[in-house]
Amino acid sequence: MDHVGRLVVREALHLTGGNRTRAARLLGLSRPTLLAKIEKYGLRIETQVS
């Protein structure tokens, strides 16, 4: 199940250009919960600058 969670969080970050607030909102999570999941899954955050 952790594998699926990692994929979902990674995809949400990709869809939002790395915007953690928007990704959390997309997933129905609080920002601190999303940050905990990012740390748990060892994801790197790459933000896109327009």
C-alpha atoms as a PDB file:
ATOM      1  CA  MET A   1       0.000   0.000   0.000  1.00  0.00           C
ATOM      2  CA  ASP A   2       2.908   2.365   0.646  1.00  0.00           C
ATOM      3  CA  HIS A   3       3.924   1.958  -2.993  1.00  0.00           C
ATOM      4  CA  VAL A   4       0.524   3.215  -4.168  1.00  0.00           C
ATOM      5  CA  GLY A   5       0.614   6.109  -1.705  1.00  0.00           C
ATOM      6  CA  ARG A   6       4.045   7.113  -2.963  1.00  0.00           C
ATOM      7  CA  LEU A   7       2.824   7.078  -6.566  1.00  0.00           C
ATOM      8  CA  VAL A   8      -0.263   9.141  -5.735  1.00  0.00           C
ATOM      9  CA  VAL A   9       1.720  11.780  -3.852  1.00  0.00           C
ATOM     10  CA  ARG A  10       4.363  11.925  -6.589  1.00  0.00           C
ATOM     11  CA  GLU A  11       1.711  12.362  -9.292  1.00  0.00           C
ATOM     12  CA  ALA A  12      -0.068  15.111  -7.328  1.00  0.00           C
ATOM     13  CA  LEU A  13       3.224  16.976  -6.986  1.00  0.00           C
ATOM     14  CA  HIS A  14       3.881  16.524 -10.701  1.00  0.00           C
ATOM     15  CA  LEU A  15       0.405  17.804 -11.652  1.00  0.00           C
ATOM     16  CA  THR A  16       0.821  20.886  -9.465  1.00  0.00           C
ATOM     17  CA  GLY A  17       4.346  21.704 -10.590  1.00  0.00           C
ATOM     18  CA  GLY A  18       5.705  20.842  -7.160  1.00  0.00           C
ATOM     19  CA  ASN A  19       3.326  23.197  -5.330  1.00  0.00           C
ATOM     20  CA  ARG A  20       2.838  21.417  -2.013  1.00  0.00           C
ATOM     21  CA  THR A  21      -0.197  23.462  -0.956  1.00  0.00           C
ATOM     22  CA  ARG A  22      -2.051  22.720  -4.202  1.00  0.00           C
ATOM     23  CA  ALA A  23      -0.995  19.056  -4.105  1.00  0.00           C
ATOM     24  CA  ALA A  24      -2.302  18.707  -0.555  1.00  0.00           C
ATOM     25  CA  ARG A  25      -5.593  20.316  -1.560  1.00  0.00           C
ATOM     26  CA  LEU A  26      -5.838  18.006  -4.595  1.00  0.00           C
ATOM     27  CA  LEU A  27      -5.380  14.965  -2.363  1.00  0.00           C
ATOM     28  CA  GLY A  28      -7.692  16.236   0.374  1.00  0.00           C
ATOM     29  CA  LEU A  29      -4.835  16.394   2.887  1.00  0.00           C
ATOM     30  CA  SER A  30      -3.500  19.112   5.127  1.00  0.00           C
ATOM     31  CA  ARG A  31      -0.150  20.552   4.061  1.00  0.00           C
ATOM     32  CA  PRO A  32       1.653  19.137   7.149  1.00  0.00           C
ATOM     33  CA  THR A  33       0.239  15.670   6.395  1.00  0.00           C
ATOM     34  CA  LEU A  34       1.445  15.894   2.806  1.00  0.00           C
ATOM     35  CA  LEU A  35       4.899  17.008   3.980  1.00  0.00           C
ATOM     36  CA  ALA A  36       5.025  14.019   6.349  1.00  0.00           C
ATOM     37  CA  LYS A  37       4.162  11.686   3.464  1.00  0.00           C
ATOM     38  CA  ILE A  38       6.800  13.297   1.234  1.00  0.00           C
ATOM     39  CA  GLU A  39       9.386  12.689   3.944  1.00  0.00           C
ATOM     40  CA  LYS A  40       8.101   9.158   4.649  1.00  0.00           C
ATOM     41  CA  TYR A  41       8.331   8.191   0.972  1.00  0.00           C
ATOM     42  CA  GLY A  42      11.666   9.966   0.469  1.00  0.00           C
ATOM     43  CA  LEU A  43      10.368  12.073  -2.417  1.00  0.00           C
ATOM     44  CA  ARG A  44      12.348  14.948  -3.846  1.00  0.00           C
ATOM     45  CA  ILE A  45      10.387  18.070  -4.621  1.00  0.00           C
ATOM     46  CA  GLU A  46      11.236  19.869  -7.828  1.00  0.00           C
ATOM     47  CA  THR A  47       9.307  23.095  -8.250  1.00  0.00           C
ATOM     48  CA  GLN A  48       8.717  24.626 -11.644  1.00  0.00           C
ATOM     49  CA  VAL A  49       9.320  28.341 -11.971  1.00  0.00           C
ATOM     50  CA  SER A  50       7.266  30.121 -14.615  1.00  0.00           C
END
